[in-house]
């Protein structure tokens, strides 16, 4: 867990890391063969939800944290039908962008 220079901000980092861990835990429970599952025709597939999560975090950190928005192409796992692990790897990589560096 990265440590903040100012202890008053440590709860923010700890909470964010906890939220990322929860997301990854849920994603890990999804078998690859269910990524294109939708319980109803009007509901997004699991793959669409994973993609939305990755793209939403991109926008959040650009607006909230002042980070540059990386290109969409670099955020999504490669291939036509990426695996769950591909999405997890991209989420973890992106989460690292939101963790503190020396300036906190």
PDB file of N, CA and C in Angstrom:
ATOM      1  N   UNK A   1       0.842  -1.172   0.000  1.00  0.00           N
ATOM      2  CA  UNK A   1       0.000   0.000   0.000  1.00  0.00           C
ATOM      3  C   UNK A   1       0.889   1.239   0.000  1.00  0.00           C
ATOM      4  N   UNK A   2       0.723   2.097  -0.986  1.00  0.00           N
ATOM      5  CA  UNK A   2       1.506   3.339  -0.974  1.00  0.00           C
ATOM      6  C   UNK A   2       1.158   4.176   0.248  1.00  0.00           C
ATOM      7  N   UNK A   3       2.148   4.844   0.768  1.00  0.00           N
ATOM      8  CA  UNK A   3       1.949   5.708   1.933  1.00  0.00           C
ATOM      9  C   UNK A   3       1.946   7.167   1.477  1.00  0.00           C
ATOM     10  N   UNK A   4       1.049   7.935   2.044  1.00  0.00           N
ATOM     11  CA  UNK A   4       1.000   9.355   1.715  1.00  0.00           C
ATOM     12  C   UNK A   4       1.980  10.123   2.599  1.00  0.00           C
ATOM     13  N   UNK A   5       2.456  11.229   2.098  1.00  0.00           N
ATOM     14  CA  UNK A   5       3.350  12.074   2.879  1.00  0.00           C
ATOM     15  C   UNK A   5       2.573  12.678   4.042  1.00  0.00           C
ATOM     16  N   UNK A   6       1.337  13.072   3.775  1.00  0.00           N
ATOM     17  CA  UNK A   6       0.466  13.630   4.809  1.00  0.00           C
ATOM     18  C   UNK A   6      -0.469  12.527   5.299  1.00  0.00           C
ATOM     19  N   UNK A   7      -0.327  12.076   6.534  1.00  0.00           N
ATOM     20  CA  UNK A   7      -1.160  10.985   7.053  1.00  0.00           C
ATOM     21  C   UNK A   7      -2.668  11.223   6.945  1.00  0.00           C
ATOM     22  N   UNK A   8      -3.078  12.463   6.948  1.00  0.00           N
ATOM     23  CA  UNK A   8      -4.503  12.764   6.863  1.00  0.00           C
ATOM     24  C   UNK A   8      -5.119  12.238   5.552  1.00  0.00           C
ATOM     25  N   UNK A   9      -4.307  12.032   4.525  1.00  0.00           N
ATOM     26  CA  UNK A   9      -4.798  11.547   3.234  1.00  0.00           C
ATOM     27  C   UNK A   9      -4.724  10.024   3.087  1.00  0.00           C
ATOM     28  N   UNK A  10      -4.163   9.334   4.063  1.00  0.00           N
ATOM     29  CA  UNK A  10      -3.972   7.890   3.926  1.00  0.00           C
ATOM     30  C   UNK A  10      -5.290   7.142   3.738  1.00  0.00           C
ATOM     31  N   UNK A  11      -6.352   7.590   4.384  1.00  0.00           N
ATOM     32  CA  UNK A  11      -7.638   6.899   4.247  1.00  0.00           C
ATOM     33  C   UNK A  11      -8.134   6.900   2.808  1.00  0.00           C
ATOM     34  N   UNK A  12      -7.808   7.940   2.055  1.00  0.00           N
ATOM     35  CA  UNK A  12      -8.238   8.018   0.655  1.00  0.00           C
ATOM     36  C   UNK A  12      -7.563   6.909  -0.156  1.00  0.00           C
ATOM     37  N   UNK A  13      -6.276   6.750   0.040  1.00  0.00           N
ATOM     38  CA  UNK A  13      -5.524   5.728  -0.685  1.00  0.00           C
ATOM     39  C   UNK A  13      -5.978   4.333  -0.262  1.00  0.00           C
ATOM     40  N   UNK A  14      -6.149   4.130   1.024  1.00  0.00           N
ATOM     41  CA  UNK A  14      -6.575   2.832   1.537  1.00  0.00           C
ATOM     42  C   UNK A  14      -7.969   2.468   1.014  1.00  0.00           C
ATOM     43  N   UNK A  15      -8.870   3.422   1.016  1.00  0.00           N
ATOM     44  CA  UNK A  15     -10.224   3.179   0.512  1.00  0.00           C
ATOM     45  C   UNK A  15     -10.201   2.864  -0.971  1.00  0.00           C
ATOM     46  N   UNK A  16      -9.430   3.618  -1.741  1.00  0.00           N
ATOM     47  CA  UNK A  16      -9.355   3.376  -3.182  1.00  0.00           C
ATOM     48  C   UNK A  16      -8.797   1.982  -3.462  1.00  0.00           C
ATOM     49  N   UNK A  17      -7.730   1.607  -2.795  1.00  0.00           N
ATOM     50  CA  UNK A  17      -7.148   0.273  -2.998  1.00  0.00           C
ATOM     51  C   UNK A  17      -8.152  -0.810  -2.623  1.00  0.00           C
ATOM     52  N   UNK A  18      -8.905  -0.592  -1.576  1.00  0.00           N
ATOM     53  CA  UNK A  18      -9.928  -1.545  -1.155  1.00  0.00           C
ATOM     54  C   UNK A  18     -11.006  -1.700  -2.230  1.00  0.00           C
ATOM     55  N   UNK A  19     -11.425  -0.604  -2.811  1.00  0.00           N
ATOM     56  CA  UNK A  19     -12.450  -0.652  -3.856  1.00  0.00           C
ATOM     57  C   UNK A  19     -11.947  -1.392  -5.099  1.00  0.00           C
ATOM     58  N   UNK A  20     -10.705  -1.153  -5.471  1.00  0.00           N
ATOM     59  CA  UNK A  20     -10.117  -1.865  -6.612  1.00  0.00           C
ATOM     60  C   UNK A  20     -10.071  -3.356  -6.317  1.00  0.00           C
ATOM     61  N   UNK A  21      -9.666  -3.721  -5.106  1.00  0.00           N
ATOM     62  CA  UNK A  21      -9.611  -5.135  -4.728  1.00  0.00           C
ATOM     63  C   UNK A  21     -10.991  -5.784  -4.773  1.00  0.00           C
ATOM     64  N   UNK A  22     -12.016  -5.077  -4.355  1.00  0.00           N
ATOM     65  CA  UNK A  22     -13.376  -5.615  -4.406  1.00  0.00           C
ATOM     66  C   UNK A  22     -13.813  -5.850  -5.846  1.00  0.00           C
ATOM     67  N   UNK A  23     -13.534  -4.892  -6.704  1.00  0.00           N
ATOM     68  CA  UNK A  23     -13.896  -5.036  -8.110  1.00  0.00           C
ATOM     69  C   UNK A  23     -13.219  -6.259  -8.715  1.00  0.00           C
ATOM     70  N   UNK A  24     -11.928  -6.380  -8.492  1.00  0.00           N
ATOM     71  CA  UNK A  24     -11.175  -7.513  -9.040  1.00  0.00           C
ATOM     72  C   UNK A  24     -11.686  -8.832  -8.470  1.00  0.00           C
ATOM     73  N   UNK A  25     -12.052  -8.852  -7.208  1.00  0.00           N
ATOM     74  CA  UNK A  25     -12.582 -10.085  -6.597  1.00  0.00           C
ATOM     75  C   UNK A  25     -13.863 -10.540  -7.282  1.00  0.00           C
ATOM     76  N   UNK A  26     -14.727  -9.603  -7.588  1.00  0.00           N
ATOM     77  CA  UNK A  26     -15.972  -9.946  -8.279  1.00  0.00           C
ATOM     78  C   UNK A  26     -15.676 -10.390  -9.703  1.00  0.00           C
ATOM     79  N   UNK A  27     -14.815  -9.663 -10.378  1.00  0.00           N
ATOM     80  CA  UNK A  27     -14.485 -10.021 -11.759  1.00  0.00           C
ATOM     81  C   UNK A  27     -13.879 -11.414 -11.833  1.00  0.00           C
ATOM     82  N   UNK A  28     -13.040 -11.753 -10.873  1.00  0.00           N
ATOM     83  CA  UNK A  28     -12.390 -13.068 -10.856  1.00  0.00           C
ATOM     84  C   UNK A  28     -13.396 -14.213 -10.773  1.00  0.00           C
ATOM     85  N   UNK A  29     -14.556 -13.953 -10.229  1.00  0.00           N
ATOM     86  CA  UNK A  29     -15.588 -14.974 -10.070  1.00  0.00           C
ATOM     87  C   UNK A  29     -16.324 -15.282 -11.375  1.00  0.00           C
ATOM     88  N   UNK A  30     -16.094 -14.481 -12.409  1.00  0.00           N
ATOM     89  CA  UNK A  30     -16.784 -14.673 -13.684  1.00  0.00           C
ATOM     90  C   UNK A  30     -15.959 -15.600 -14.579  1.00  0.00           C
ATOM     91  N   UNK A  31     -16.526 -16.726 -14.993  1.00  0.00           N
ATOM     92  CA  UNK A  31     -15.809 -17.596 -15.938  1.00  0.00           C
ATOM     93  C   UNK A  31     -15.731 -16.926 -17.317  1.00  0.00           C
ATOM     94  N   UNK A  32     -14.646 -17.161 -18.024  1.00  0.00           N
ATOM     95  CA  UNK A  32     -14.468 -16.570 -19.352  1.00  0.00           C
ATOM     96  C   UNK A  32     -15.647 -16.855 -20.280  1.00  0.00           C
ATOM     97  N   UNK A  33     -16.209 -18.041 -20.181  1.00  0.00           N
ATOM     98  CA  UNK A  33     -17.288 -18.400 -21.108  1.00  0.00           C
ATOM     99  C   UNK A  33     -18.612 -17.694 -20.801  1.00  0.00           C
ATOM    100  N   UNK A  34     -18.661 -16.905 -19.724  1.00  0.00           N
ATOM    101  CA  UNK A  34     -19.869 -16.138 -19.423  1.00  0.00           C
ATOM    102  C   UNK A  34     -19.721 -14.637 -19.681  1.00  0.00           C
ATOM    103  N   UNK A  35     -18.596 -14.221 -20.223  1.00  0.00           N
ATOM    104  CA  UNK A  35     -18.397 -12.793 -20.469  1.00  0.00           C
ATOM    105  C   UNK A  35     -19.436 -12.201 -21.415  1.00  0.00           C
ATOM    106  N   UNK A  36     -19.951 -12.989 -22.318  1.00  0.00           N
ATOM    107  CA  UNK A  36     -20.941 -12.477 -23.264  1.00  0.00           C
ATOM    108  C   UNK A  36     -22.370 -12.799 -22.835  1.00  0.00           C
ATOM    109  N   UNK A  37     -22.537 -13.201 -21.594  1.00  0.00           N
ATOM    110  CA  UNK A  37     -23.854 -13.507 -21.046  1.00  0.00           C
ATOM    111  C   UNK A  37     -24.603 -12.224 -20.686  1.00  0.00           C
ATOM    112  N   UNK A  38     -25.889 -12.229 -20.977  1.00  0.00           N
ATOM    113  CA  UNK A  38     -26.796 -11.169 -20.574  1.00  0.00           C
ATOM    114  C   UNK A  38     -28.079 -11.848 -20.096  1.00  0.00           C
ATOM    115  N   UNK A  39     -28.555 -11.508 -18.899  1.00  0.00           N
ATOM    116  CA  UNK A  39     -29.756 -12.165 -18.394  1.00  0.00           C
ATOM    117  C   UNK A  39     -31.031 -11.761 -19.125  1.00  0.00           C
ATOM    118  N   UNK A  40     -30.950 -10.701 -19.896  1.00  0.00           N
ATOM    119  CA  UNK A  40     -32.117 -10.210 -20.626  1.00  0.00           C
ATOM    120  C   UNK A  40     -31.615  -9.417 -21.824  1.00  0.00           C
ATOM    121  N   UNK A  41     -32.387  -9.386 -22.881  1.00  0.00           N
ATOM    122  CA  UNK A  41     -31.949  -8.698 -24.101  1.00  0.00           C
ATOM    123  C   UNK A  41     -31.730  -7.200 -23.903  1.00  0.00           C
ATOM    124  N   UNK A  42     -32.338  -6.619 -22.889  1.00  0.00           N
ATOM    125  CA  UNK A  42     -32.175  -5.181 -22.634  1.00  0.00           C
ATOM    126  C   UNK A  42     -31.072  -4.874 -21.623  1.00  0.00           C
ATOM    127  N   UNK A  43     -30.349  -5.892 -21.218  1.00  0.00           N
ATOM    128  CA  UNK A  43     -29.289  -5.735 -20.225  1.00  0.00           C
ATOM    129  C   UNK A  43     -27.937  -5.959 -20.900  1.00  0.00           C
ATOM    130  N   UNK A  44     -26.955  -5.154 -20.527  1.00  0.00           N
ATOM    131  CA  UNK A  44     -25.613  -5.307 -21.094  1.00  0.00           C
ATOM    132  C   UNK A  44     -25.005  -6.653 -20.732  1.00  0.00           C
ATOM    133  N   UNK A  45     -24.095  -7.094 -21.583  1.00  0.00           N
ATOM    134  CA  UNK A  45     -23.339  -8.300 -21.266  1.00  0.00           C
ATOM    135  C   UNK A  45     -22.305  -7.967 -20.190  1.00  0.00           C
ATOM    136  N   UNK A  46     -21.779  -8.995 -19.575  1.00  0.00           N
ATOM    137  CA  UNK A  46     -20.728  -8.798 -18.572  1.00  0.00           C
ATOM    138  C   UNK A  46     -19.519  -8.125 -19.216  1.00  0.00           C
ATOM    139  N   UNK A  47     -19.184  -8.526 -20.425  1.00  0.00           N
ATOM    140  CA  UNK A  47     -18.047  -7.921 -21.136  1.00  0.00           C
ATOM    141  C   UNK A  47     -18.262  -6.416 -21.318  1.00  0.00           C
ATOM    142  N   UNK A  48     -19.470  -6.021 -21.660  1.00  0.00           N
ATOM    143  CA  UNK A  48     -19.785  -4.604 -21.841  1.00  0.00           C
ATOM    144  C   UNK A  48     -19.633  -3.847 -20.525  1.00  0.00           C
ATOM    145  N   UNK A  49     -20.042  -4.469 -19.440  1.00  0.00           N
ATOM    146  CA  UNK A  49     -19.916  -3.840 -18.123  1.00  0.00           C
ATOM    147  C   UNK A  49     -18.450  -3.683 -17.741  1.00  0.00           C
ATOM    148  N   UNK A  50     -17.636  -4.704 -17.992  1.00  0.00           N
ATOM    149  CA  UNK A  50     -16.193  -4.611 -17.709  1.00  0.00           C
ATOM    150  C   UNK A  50     -15.576  -3.468 -18.524  1.00  0.00           C
ATOM    151  N   UNK A  51     -15.937  -3.404 -19.800  1.00  0.00           N
ATOM    152  CA  UNK A  51     -15.404  -2.358 -20.677  1.00  0.00           C
ATOM    153  C   UNK A  51     -15.819  -0.981 -20.159  1.00  0.00           C
ATOM    154  N   UNK A  52     -17.072  -0.851 -19.796  1.00  0.00           N
ATOM    155  CA  UNK A  52     -17.571   0.422 -19.268  1.00  0.00           C
ATOM    156  C   UNK A  52     -16.795   0.833 -18.011  1.00  0.00           C
ATOM    157  N   UNK A  53     -16.522  -0.114 -17.133  1.00  0.00           N
ATOM    158  CA  UNK A  53     -15.772   0.186 -15.907  1.00  0.00           C
ATOM    159  C   UNK A  53     -14.388   0.744 -16.243  1.00  0.00           C
ATOM    160  N   UNK A  54     -13.698   0.099 -17.167  1.00  0.00           N
ATOM    161  CA  UNK A  54     -12.358   0.571 -17.540  1.00  0.00           C
ATOM    162  C   UNK A  54     -12.414   1.973 -18.142  1.00  0.00           C
ATOM    163  N   UNK A  55     -13.384   2.211 -19.012  1.00  0.00           N
ATOM    164  CA  UNK A  55     -13.475   3.515 -19.655  1.00  0.00           C
ATOM    165  C   UNK A  55     -13.941   4.596 -18.680  1.00  0.00           C
ATOM    166  N   UNK A  56     -14.804   4.237 -17.742  1.00  0.00           N
ATOM    167  CA  UNK A  56     -15.280   5.213 -16.753  1.00  0.00           C
ATOM    168  C   UNK A  56     -14.148   5.665 -15.834  1.00  0.00           C
ATOM    169  N   UNK A  57     -13.305   4.727 -15.423  1.00  0.00           N
ATOM    170  CA  UNK A  57     -12.177   5.106 -14.564  1.00  0.00           C
ATOM    171  C   UNK A  57     -11.220   6.026 -15.297  1.00  0.00           C
ATOM    172  N   UNK A  58     -11.060   5.807 -16.562  1.00  0.00           N
ATOM    173  CA  UNK A  58     -10.201   6.671 -17.380  1.00  0.00           C
ATOM    174  C   UNK A  58     -10.692   8.110 -17.279  1.00  0.00           C
ATOM    175  N   UNK A  59     -11.982   8.294 -17.469  1.00  0.00           N
ATOM    176  CA  UNK A  59     -12.561   9.635 -17.412  1.00  0.00           C
ATOM    177  C   UNK A  59     -12.512  10.208 -16.000  1.00  0.00           C
ATOM    178  N   UNK A  60     -12.812   9.376 -15.000  1.00  0.00           N
ATOM    179  CA  UNK A  60     -12.804   9.828 -13.610  1.00  0.00           C
ATOM    180  C   UNK A  60     -11.445  10.409 -13.237  1.00  0.00           C
ATOM    181  N   UNK A  61     -10.368   9.672 -13.519  1.00  0.00           N
ATOM    182  CA  UNK A  61      -9.052  10.150 -13.116  1.00  0.00           C
ATOM    183  C   UNK A  61      -8.617  11.367 -13.913  1.00  0.00           C
ATOM    184  N   UNK A  62      -9.080  11.475 -15.135  1.00  0.00           N
ATOM    185  CA  UNK A  62      -8.746  12.665 -15.917  1.00  0.00           C
ATOM    186  C   UNK A  62      -9.399  13.904 -15.305  1.00  0.00           C
ATOM    187  N   UNK A  63     -10.645  13.749 -14.879  1.00  0.00           N
ATOM    188  CA  UNK A  63     -11.369  14.903 -14.350  1.00  0.00           C
ATOM    189  C   UNK A  63     -11.072  15.161 -12.870  1.00  0.00           C
ATOM    190  N   UNK A  64     -10.990  14.112 -12.065  1.00  0.00           N
ATOM    191  CA  UNK A  64     -10.841  14.258 -10.628  1.00  0.00           C
ATOM    192  C   UNK A  64      -9.400  14.492 -10.210  1.00  0.00           C
ATOM    193  N   UNK A  65      -8.500  13.719 -10.796  1.00  0.00           N
ATOM    194  CA  UNK A  65      -7.106  13.735 -10.362  1.00  0.00           C
ATOM    195  C   UNK A  65      -6.217  14.561 -11.284  1.00  0.00           C
ATOM    196  N   UNK A  66      -6.766  15.037 -12.390  1.00  0.00           N
ATOM    197  CA  UNK A  66      -5.993  15.851 -13.303  1.00  0.00           C
ATOM    198  C   UNK A  66      -4.990  15.078 -14.144  1.00  0.00           C
ATOM    199  N   UNK A  67      -5.171  13.754 -14.227  1.00  0.00           N
ATOM    200  CA  UNK A  67      -4.284  12.945 -15.051  1.00  0.00           C
ATOM    201  C   UNK A  67      -4.726  13.007 -16.509  1.00  0.00           C
ATOM    202  N   UNK A  68      -3.784  12.838 -17.414  1.00  0.00           N
ATOM    203  CA  UNK A  68      -4.133  12.763 -18.830  1.00  0.00           C
ATOM    204  C   UNK A  68      -4.939  11.503 -19.072  1.00  0.00           C
ATOM    205  N   UNK A  69      -5.929  11.622 -19.964  1.00  0.00           N
ATOM    206  CA  UNK A  69      -6.703  10.437 -20.335  1.00  0.00           C
ATOM    207  C   UNK A  69      -5.870   9.615 -21.314  1.00  0.00           C
ATOM    208  N   UNK A  70      -5.558   8.368 -20.957  1.00  0.00           N
ATOM    209  CA  UNK A  70      -4.837   7.534 -21.909  1.00  0.00           C
ATOM    210  C   UNK A  70      -5.737   7.174 -23.080  1.00  0.00           C
ATOM    211  N   UNK A  71      -5.137   6.814 -24.187  1.00  0.00           N
ATOM    212  CA  UNK A  71      -5.903   6.409 -25.366  1.00  0.00           C
ATOM    213  C   UNK A  71      -6.736   5.178 -25.048  1.00  0.00           C
ATOM    214  N   UNK A  72      -7.939   5.149 -25.569  1.00  0.00           N
ATOM    215  CA  UNK A  72      -8.848   4.018 -25.339  1.00  0.00           C
ATOM    216  C   UNK A  72      -8.187   2.704 -25.746  1.00  0.00           C
ATOM    217  N   UNK A  73      -7.465   2.735 -26.836  1.00  0.00           N
ATOM    218  CA  UNK A  73      -6.843   1.513 -27.346  1.00  0.00           C
ATOM    219  C   UNK A  73      -5.908   0.863 -26.325  1.00  0.00           C
ATOM    220  N   UNK A  74      -5.293   1.675 -25.473  1.00  0.00           N
ATOM    221  CA  UNK A  74      -4.384   1.141 -24.475  1.00  0.00           C
ATOM    222  C   UNK A  74      -5.066   0.680 -23.204  1.00  0.00           C
ATOM    223  N   UNK A  75      -6.331   1.014 -23.048  1.00  0.00           N
ATOM    224  CA  UNK A  75      -7.055   0.673 -21.827  1.00  0.00           C
ATOM    225  C   UNK A  75      -7.720  -0.685 -21.875  1.00  0.00           C
ATOM    226  N   UNK A  76      -8.136  -1.078 -23.048  1.00  0.00           N
ATOM    227  CA  UNK A  76      -8.874  -2.328 -23.177  1.00  0.00           C
ATOM    228  C   UNK A  76      -7.925  -3.474 -23.482  1.00  0.00           C
ATOM    229  N   UNK A  77      -8.248  -4.651 -22.980  1.00  0.00           N
ATOM    230  CA  UNK A  77      -7.386  -5.800 -23.268  1.00  0.00           C
ATOM    231  C   UNK A  77      -7.388  -6.099 -24.769  1.00  0.00           C
ATOM    232  N   UNK A  78      -6.288  -6.610 -25.274  1.00  0.00           N
ATOM    233  CA  UNK A  78      -6.198  -6.880 -26.708  1.00  0.00           C
ATOM    234  C   UNK A  78      -7.065  -8.067 -27.126  1.00  0.00           C
ATOM    235  N   UNK A  79      -7.394  -8.072 -28.385  1.00  0.00           N
ATOM    236  CA  UNK A  79      -8.142  -9.191 -28.958  1.00  0.00           C
ATOM    237  C   UNK A  79      -9.627  -8.907 -29.050  1.00  0.00           C
ATOM    238  N   UNK A  80     -10.280  -9.730 -29.837  1.00  0.00           N
ATOM    239  CA  UNK A  80     -11.712  -9.578 -30.061  1.00  0.00           C
ATOM    240  C   UNK A  80     -12.537  -9.974 -28.843  1.00  0.00           C
ATOM    241  N   UNK A  81     -12.097 -11.015 -28.168  1.00  0.00           N
ATOM    242  CA  UNK A  81     -12.819 -11.516 -26.991  1.00  0.00           C
ATOM    243  C   UNK A  81     -11.815 -11.771 -25.871  1.00  0.00           C
ATOM    244  N   UNK A  82     -11.378 -10.706 -25.210  1.00  0.00           N
ATOM    245  CA  UNK A  82     -10.391 -10.873 -24.132  1.00  0.00           C
ATOM    246  C   UNK A  82     -10.932 -11.735 -22.989  1.00  0.00           C
ATOM    247  N   UNK A  83     -10.028 -12.277 -22.236  1.00  0.00           N
ATOM    248  CA  UNK A  83     -10.383 -13.090 -21.073  1.00  0.00           C
ATOM    249  C   UNK A  83     -10.656 -12.196 -19.867  1.00  0.00           C
ATOM    250  N   UNK A  84     -11.228 -12.777 -18.839  1.00  0.00           N
ATOM    251  CA  UNK A  84     -11.449 -12.049 -17.592  1.00  0.00           C
ATOM    252  C   UNK A  84     -10.112 -11.538 -17.067  1.00  0.00           C
ATOM    253  N   UNK A  85      -9.079 -12.375 -17.115  1.00  0.00           N
ATOM    254  CA  UNK A  85      -7.767 -11.955 -16.622  1.00  0.00           C
ATOM    255  C   UNK A  85      -7.247 -10.758 -17.402  1.00  0.00           C
ATOM    256  N   UNK A  86      -7.547 -10.679 -18.686  1.00  0.00           N
ATOM    257  CA  UNK A  86      -7.151  -9.516 -19.483  1.00  0.00           C
ATOM    258  C   UNK A  86      -7.776  -8.235 -18.954  1.00  0.00           C
ATOM    259  N   UNK A  87      -9.048  -8.303 -18.608  1.00  0.00           N
ATOM    260  CA  UNK A  87      -9.724  -7.134 -18.028  1.00  0.00           C
ATOM    261  C   UNK A  87      -9.148  -6.792 -16.651  1.00  0.00           C
ATOM    262  N   UNK A  88      -8.890  -7.817 -15.853  1.00  0.00           N
ATOM    263  CA  UNK A  88      -8.318  -7.592 -14.520  1.00  0.00           C
ATOM    264  C   UNK A  88      -6.948  -6.927 -14.632  1.00  0.00           C
ATOM    265  N   UNK A  89      -6.113  -7.429 -15.535  1.00  0.00           N
ATOM    266  CA  UNK A  89      -4.779  -6.845 -15.711  1.00  0.00           C
ATOM    267  C   UNK A  89      -4.867  -5.369 -16.106  1.00  0.00           C
ATOM    268  N   UNK A  90      -5.791  -5.047 -16.987  1.00  0.00           N
ATOM    269  CA  UNK A  90      -5.941  -3.650 -17.408  1.00  0.00           C
ATOM    270  C   UNK A  90      -6.465  -2.789 -16.267  1.00  0.00           C
ATOM    271  N   UNK A  91      -7.396  -3.333 -15.480  1.00  0.00           N
ATOM    272  CA  UNK A  91      -7.928  -2.577 -14.353  1.00  0.00           C
ATOM    273  C   UNK A  91      -6.825  -2.303 -13.328  1.00  0.00           C
ATOM    274  N   UNK A  92      -6.028  -3.304 -13.034  1.00  0.00           N
ATOM    275  CA  UNK A  92      -4.946  -3.137 -12.063  1.00  0.00           C
ATOM    276  C   UNK A  92      -3.922  -2.121 -12.563  1.00  0.00           C
ATOM    277  N   UNK A  93      -3.613  -2.186 -13.837  1.00  0.00           N
ATOM    278  CA  UNK A  93      -2.664  -1.242 -14.428  1.00  0.00           C
ATOM    279  C   UNK A  93      -3.202   0.191 -14.336  1.00  0.00           C
ATOM    280  N   UNK A  94      -4.456   0.344 -14.645  1.00  0.00           N
ATOM    281  CA  UNK A  94      -5.068   1.669 -14.600  1.00  0.00           C
ATOM    282  C   UNK A  94      -5.184   2.164 -13.166  1.00  0.00           C
ATOM    283  N   UNK A  95      -5.476   1.268 -12.244  1.00  0.00           N
ATOM    284  CA  UNK A  95      -5.603   1.661 -10.833  1.00  0.00           C
ATOM    285  C   UNK A  95      -4.295   2.243 -10.325  1.00  0.00           C
ATOM    286  N   UNK A  96      -3.188   1.713 -10.785  1.00  0.00           N
ATOM    287  CA  UNK A  96      -1.891   2.230 -10.369  1.00  0.00           C
ATOM    288  C   UNK A  96      -1.684   3.683 -10.744  1.00  0.00           C
ATOM    289  N   UNK A  97      -2.330   4.111 -11.805  1.00  0.00           N
ATOM    290  CA  UNK A  97      -2.230   5.515 -12.206  1.00  0.00           C
ATOM    291  C   UNK A  97      -2.873   6.421 -11.173  1.00  0.00           C
ATOM    292  N   UNK A  98      -3.890   5.912 -10.465  1.00  0.00           N
ATOM    293  CA  UNK A  98      -4.612   6.741  -9.512  1.00  0.00           C
ATOM    294  C   UNK A  98      -4.009   6.742  -8.121  1.00  0.00           C
ATOM    295  N   UNK A  99      -3.019   5.908  -7.901  1.00  0.00           N
ATOM    296  CA  UNK A  99      -2.396   5.865  -6.580  1.00  0.00           C
ATOM    297  C   UNK A  99      -1.359   6.971  -6.445  1.00  0.00           C
ATOM    298  N   UNK A 100      -1.103   7.372  -5.220  1.00  0.00           N
ATOM    299  CA  UNK A 100      -0.244   8.547  -5.022  1.00  0.00           C
ATOM    300  C   UNK A 100       1.207   8.316  -5.435  1.00  0.00           C
ATOM    301  N   UNK A 101       1.757   9.406  -5.830  1.00  0.00           N
ATOM    302  CA  UNK A 101       3.182   9.470  -6.053  1.00  0.00           C
ATOM    303  C   UNK A 101       3.738  10.324  -4.923  1.00  0.00           C
ATOM    304  N   UNK A 102       4.826  10.908  -5.058  1.00  0.00           N
ATOM    305  CA  UNK A 102       5.478  11.633  -3.974  1.00  0.00           C
ATOM    306  C   UNK A 102       4.740  12.905  -3.530  1.00  0.00           C
ATOM    307  N   UNK A 103       3.826  13.424  -4.343  1.00  0.00           N
ATOM    308  CA  UNK A 103       3.290  14.743  -4.027  1.00  0.00           C
ATOM    309  C   UNK A 103       2.215  14.780  -2.937  1.00  0.00           C
ATOM    310  N   UNK A 104       1.699  13.667  -2.464  1.00  0.00           N
ATOM    311  CA  UNK A 104       0.657  13.749  -1.420  1.00  0.00           C
ATOM    312  C   UNK A 104       1.276  14.016  -0.077  1.00  0.00           C
TER     313      UNK A 104
END
